[in-house]
Amino acid sequence: MLSRIAVPLLAAAGLVFACGPRTPSPLANARPKAGADKGITSHVMVDTANGSVRFAIEVTNDSPKRVELRFPDGRTHDFSVLTSDGREVWRWSEGRLFTQGIQNRLLDAHDSTIYDERWTPPAPGRYVLVAQLHSETHPVRQRVEFALR
């Protein structure tokens, strides 16, 4: 029953995120990065419009075969924000509880999955986003610099 509701809601959320308002807004992007397997790439986006910040990491299977993303627990991804001098000011997973069960996600050939979150910044400044996919089979970690005015 939960999957009947969760899957359409997640698909709608991804569509809203991907097709949301496109007013001129500062964006920071990281170029696609190859993961542990040559067929896995990731793309990180930071959108700083409207007073809050949206982060997304898209993981794509560019190979001709299906791949398995295996996670050791319920935490599939994480985002952390650092100041320009390296001090952590926010971590998405901080204070959250995650299941202890192993989980798997299959990505068909040329398929993608997106993980996205929001952050309300404490003050303007220069920051660094560290986006991570916590897969044991295809780990990804990317950094993107961005500024808030």
C-alpha atoms as a PDB file:
ATOM      1  CA  MET A   1       0.000   0.000   0.000  1.00  0.00           C
ATOM      2  CA  LEU A   2       2.775   2.431   0.915  1.00  0.00           C
ATOM      3  CA  SER A   3       4.552   1.874  -2.400  1.00  0.00           C
ATOM      4  CA  ARG A   4       1.326   2.701  -4.273  1.00  0.00           C
ATOM      5  CA  ILE A   5       1.330   6.109  -2.617  1.00  0.00           C
ATOM      6  CA  ALA A   6       5.060   6.733  -2.210  1.00  0.00           C
ATOM      7  CA  VAL A   7       6.114   6.038  -5.790  1.00  0.00           C
ATOM      8  CA  PRO A   8       3.662   8.498  -7.419  1.00  0.00           C
ATOM      9  CA  LEU A   9       4.455  11.115  -4.775  1.00  0.00           C
ATOM     10  CA  LEU A  10       8.197  10.739  -5.325  1.00  0.00           C
ATOM     11  CA  ALA A  11       7.701  10.915  -9.092  1.00  0.00           C
ATOM     12  CA  ALA A  12       5.593  14.063  -8.721  1.00  0.00           C
ATOM     13  CA  ALA A  13       8.160  15.641  -6.388  1.00  0.00           C
ATOM     14  CA  GLY A  14      10.947  14.911  -8.878  1.00  0.00           C
ATOM     15  CA  LEU A  15       8.875  16.391 -11.697  1.00  0.00           C
ATOM     16  CA  VAL A  16       8.069  19.516  -9.678  1.00  0.00           C
ATOM     17  CA  PHE A  17      11.730  19.897  -8.783  1.00  0.00           C
ATOM     18  CA  ALA A  18      12.853  19.389 -12.385  1.00  0.00           C
ATOM     19  CA  CYS A  19      10.136  21.555 -13.956  1.00  0.00           C
ATOM     20  CA  GLY A  20       9.693  24.121 -11.186  1.00  0.00           C
ATOM     21  CA  PRO A  21       9.731  27.862 -11.752  1.00  0.00           C
ATOM     22  CA  ARG A  22      12.620  28.994 -13.877  1.00  0.00           C
ATOM     23  CA  THR A  23      12.923  32.616 -12.914  1.00  0.00           C
ATOM     24  CA  PRO A  24      16.438  33.974 -13.273  1.00  0.00           C
ATOM     25  CA  SER A  25      18.061  32.449 -10.236  1.00  0.00           C
ATOM     26  CA  PRO A  26      21.642  31.799  -9.291  1.00  0.00           C
ATOM     27  CA  LEU A  27      22.518  28.178  -9.918  1.00  0.00           C
ATOM     28  CA  ALA A  28      25.657  26.298  -9.170  1.00  0.00           C
ATOM     29  CA  ASN A  29      26.325  23.012 -10.900  1.00  0.00           C
ATOM     30  CA  ALA A  30      28.989  20.380 -10.708  1.00  0.00           C
ATOM     31  CA  ARG A  31      29.983  18.605 -13.876  1.00  0.00           C
ATOM     32  CA  PRO A  32      29.057  14.948 -14.132  1.00  0.00           C
ATOM     33  CA  LYS A  33      31.519  12.784 -12.270  1.00  0.00           C
ATOM     34  CA  ALA A  34      32.259   9.127 -12.861  1.00  0.00           C
ATOM     35  CA  GLY A  35      31.561   6.916  -9.859  1.00  0.00           C
ATOM     36  CA  ALA A  36      33.154   3.632  -8.825  1.00  0.00           C
ATOM     37  CA  ASP A  37      31.787   2.025 -11.983  1.00  0.00           C
ATOM     38  CA  LYS A  38      32.542   3.716 -15.305  1.00  0.00           C
ATOM     39  CA  GLY A  39      28.818   3.634 -16.208  1.00  0.00           C
ATOM     40  CA  ILE A  40      27.668   5.650 -13.174  1.00  0.00           C
ATOM     41  CA  THR A  41      27.757   9.445 -13.361  1.00  0.00           C
ATOM     42  CA  SER A  42      26.418  12.086 -11.016  1.00  0.00           C
ATOM     43  CA  HIS A  43      25.311  15.668 -11.432  1.00  0.00           C
ATOM     44  CA  VAL A  44      24.853  18.063  -8.495  1.00  0.00           C
ATOM     45  CA  MET A  45      22.719  21.215  -8.570  1.00  0.00           C
ATOM     46  CA  VAL A  46      22.313  24.087  -6.105  1.00  0.00           C
ATOM     47  CA  ASP A  47      19.393  26.519  -6.590  1.00  0.00           C
ATOM     48  CA  THR A  48      19.533  29.631  -4.379  1.00  0.00           C
ATOM     49  CA  ALA A  49      16.287  31.325  -5.457  1.00  0.00           C
ATOM     50  CA  ASN A  50      13.531  32.566  -3.133  1.00  0.00           C
ATOM     51  CA  GLY A  51      15.450  32.699   0.165  1.00  0.00           C
ATOM     52  CA  SER A  52      15.866  28.968   0.587  1.00  0.00           C
ATOM     53  CA  VAL A  53      18.393  26.688  -1.045  1.00  0.00           C
ATOM     54  CA  ARG A  54      17.537  23.510  -2.950  1.00  0.00           C
ATOM     55  CA  PHE A  55      20.129  20.779  -3.439  1.00  0.00           C
ATOM     56  CA  ALA A  56      19.882  17.829  -5.799  1.00  0.00           C
ATOM     57  CA  ILE A  57      22.152  14.992  -6.789  1.00  0.00           C
ATOM     58  CA  GLU A  58      21.194  13.016  -9.873  1.00  0.00           C
ATOM     59  CA  VAL A  59      22.822   9.627 -10.349  1.00  0.00           C
ATOM     60  CA  THR A  60      22.664   8.145 -13.845  1.00  0.00           C
ATOM     61  CA  ASN A  61      23.476   4.687 -15.133  1.00  0.00           C
ATOM     62  CA  ASP A  62      25.179   5.434 -18.458  1.00  0.00           C
ATOM     63  CA  SER A  63      26.052   1.791 -19.043  1.00  0.00           C
ATOM     64  CA  PRO A  64      24.128  -0.627 -21.286  1.00  0.00           C
ATOM     65  CA  LYS A  65      23.433  -2.924 -18.300  1.00  0.00           C
ATOM     66  CA  ARG A  66      21.347  -2.598 -15.157  1.00  0.00           C
ATOM     67  CA  VAL A  67      23.340  -1.697 -12.033  1.00  0.00           C
ATOM     68  CA  GLU A  68      22.565  -2.195  -8.374  1.00  0.00           C
ATOM     69  CA  LEU A  69      23.008   0.553  -5.809  1.00  0.00           C
ATOM     70  CA  ARG A  70      23.386  -1.178  -2.431  1.00  0.00           C
ATOM     71  CA  PHE A  71      22.980   0.877   0.741  1.00  0.00           C
ATOM     72  CA  PRO A  72      24.085  -0.456   4.157  1.00  0.00           C
ATOM     73  CA  ASP A  73      21.124   1.213   5.902  1.00  0.00           C
ATOM     74  CA  GLY A  74      18.234   3.626   5.303  1.00  0.00           C
ATOM     75  CA  ARG A  75      20.487   6.589   4.513  1.00  0.00           C
ATOM     76  CA  THR A  76      20.784   6.664   0.740  1.00  0.00           C
ATOM     77  CA  HIS A  77      22.283  10.140   0.443  1.00  0.00           C
ATOM     78  CA  ASP A  78      23.462  13.122   2.452  1.00  0.00           C
ATOM     79  CA  PHE A  79      24.103  16.807   1.942  1.00  0.00           C
ATOM     80  CA  SER A  80      26.335  18.982   4.103  1.00  0.00           C
ATOM     81  CA  VAL A  81      27.099  22.683   3.846  1.00  0.00           C
ATOM     82  CA  LEU A  82      30.503  24.084   4.761  1.00  0.00           C
ATOM     83  CA  THR A  83      31.667  27.662   5.111  1.00  0.00           C
ATOM     84  CA  SER A  84      34.442  28.795   2.795  1.00  0.00           C
ATOM     85  CA  ASP A  85      36.950  28.000   5.576  1.00  0.00           C
ATOM     86  CA  GLY A  86      35.683  24.396   5.871  1.00  0.00           C
ATOM     87  CA  ARG A  87      33.466  24.629   8.988  1.00  0.00           C
ATOM     88  CA  GLU A  88      30.283  22.542   8.723  1.00  0.00           C
ATOM     89  CA  VAL A  89      27.150  24.641   9.292  1.00  0.00           C
ATOM     90  CA  TRP A  90      24.468  22.126   8.286  1.00  0.00           C
ATOM     91  CA  ARG A  91      24.078  18.426   7.554  1.00  0.00           C
ATOM     92  CA  TRP A  92      20.830  16.982   6.245  1.00  0.00           C
ATOM     93  CA  SER A  93      21.201  13.694   8.156  1.00  0.00           C
ATOM     94  CA  GLU A  94      21.985  15.355  11.510  1.00  0.00           C
ATOM     95  CA  GLY A  95      19.408  14.301  14.108  1.00  0.00           C
ATOM     96  CA  ARG A  96      17.574  11.932  11.739  1.00  0.00           C
ATOM     97  CA  LEU A  97      16.997   8.261  12.398  1.00  0.00           C
ATOM     98  CA  PHE A  98      17.552   5.693   9.659  1.00  0.00           C
ATOM     99  CA  THR A  99      16.531   2.056   9.381  1.00  0.00           C
ATOM    100  CA  GLN A 100      19.286  -0.484   9.942  1.00  0.00           C
ATOM    101  CA  GLY A 101      18.216  -2.723   7.071  1.00  0.00           C
ATOM    102  CA  ILE A 102      20.244  -3.079   3.906  1.00  0.00           C
ATOM    103  CA  GLN A 103      18.434  -1.732   0.870  1.00  0.00           C
ATOM    104  CA  ASN A 104      18.986  -2.018  -2.863  1.00  0.00           C
ATOM    105  CA  ARG A 105      18.004   0.202  -5.770  1.00  0.00           C
ATOM    106  CA  LEU A 106      18.239  -1.103  -9.325  1.00  0.00           C
ATOM    107  CA  LEU A 107      18.985   1.396 -12.078  1.00  0.00           C
ATOM    108  CA  ASP A 108      18.171   0.172 -15.552  1.00  0.00           C
ATOM    109  CA  ALA A 109      20.446   1.081 -18.446  1.00  0.00           C
ATOM    110  CA  HIS A 110      20.388   4.860 -19.016  1.00  0.00           C
ATOM    111  CA  ASP A 111      18.053   5.394 -16.046  1.00  0.00           C
ATOM    112  CA  SER A 112      18.499   8.055 -13.337  1.00  0.00           C
ATOM    113  CA  THR A 113      17.479   8.711  -9.776  1.00  0.00           C
ATOM    114  CA  ILE A 114      17.388  12.092  -8.023  1.00  0.00           C
ATOM    115  CA  TYR A 115      17.777  12.891  -4.339  1.00  0.00           C
ATOM    116  CA  ASP A 116      16.910  16.439  -3.335  1.00  0.00           C
ATOM    117  CA  GLU A 117      16.568  18.468  -0.142  1.00  0.00           C
ATOM    118  CA  ARG A 118      16.051  22.061   1.057  1.00  0.00           C
ATOM    119  CA  TRP A 119      18.096  24.223   3.430  1.00  0.00           C
ATOM    120  CA  THR A 120      17.341  27.617   4.976  1.00  0.00           C
ATOM    121  CA  PRO A 121      20.643  29.499   5.205  1.00  0.00           C
ATOM    122  CA  PRO A 122      21.537  31.376   8.401  1.00  0.00           C
ATOM    123  CA  ALA A 123      23.290  34.254   6.600  1.00  0.00           C
ATOM    124  CA  PRO A 124      24.606  35.393   3.226  1.00  0.00           C
ATOM    125  CA  GLY A 125      28.077  34.240   2.313  1.00  0.00           C
ATOM    126  CA  ARG A 126      30.138  31.772   0.343  1.00  0.00           C
ATOM    127  CA  TYR A 127      29.468  28.092   1.001  1.00  0.00           C
ATOM    128  CA  VAL A 128      30.450  24.647  -0.242  1.00  0.00           C
ATOM    129  CA  LEU A 129      27.919  21.855  -0.721  1.00  0.00           C
ATOM    130  CA  VAL A 130      29.139  18.287  -0.255  1.00  0.00           C
ATOM    131  CA  ALA A 131      26.676  15.863  -1.852  1.00  0.00           C
ATOM    132  CA  GLN A 132      27.053  12.132  -1.214  1.00  0.00           C
ATOM    133  CA  LEU A 133      25.448   8.945  -2.422  1.00  0.00           C
ATOM    134  CA  HIS A 134      26.005   6.362   0.327  1.00  0.00           C
ATOM    135  CA  SER A 135      25.997   3.357  -1.990  1.00  0.00           C
ATOM    136  CA  GLU A 136      28.454   0.587  -1.123  1.00  0.00           C
ATOM    137  CA  THR A 137      28.619  -0.497  -4.758  1.00  0.00           C
ATOM    138  CA  HIS A 138      28.777   2.944  -6.452  1.00  0.00           C
ATOM    139  CA  PRO A 139      29.686   5.642  -3.909  1.00  0.00           C
ATOM    140  CA  VAL A 140      29.588   9.257  -5.076  1.00  0.00           C
ATOM    141  CA  ARG A 141      30.890  12.399  -3.378  1.00  0.00           C
ATOM    142  CA  GLN A 142      30.897  15.807  -5.057  1.00  0.00           C
ATOM    143  CA  ARG A 143      31.591  19.368  -3.909  1.00  0.00           C
ATOM    144  CA  VAL A 144      30.010  22.535  -5.329  1.00  0.00           C
ATOM    145  CA  GLU A 145      30.783  26.103  -4.302  1.00  0.00           C
ATOM    146  CA  PHE A 146      27.928  28.612  -4.163  1.00  0.00           C
ATOM    147  CA  ALA A 147      27.249  32.103  -2.835  1.00  0.00           C
ATOM    148  CA  LEU A 148      24.243  33.685  -1.119  1.00  0.00           C
ATOM    149  CA  ARG A 149      23.647  37.424  -1.215  1.00  0.00           C
END
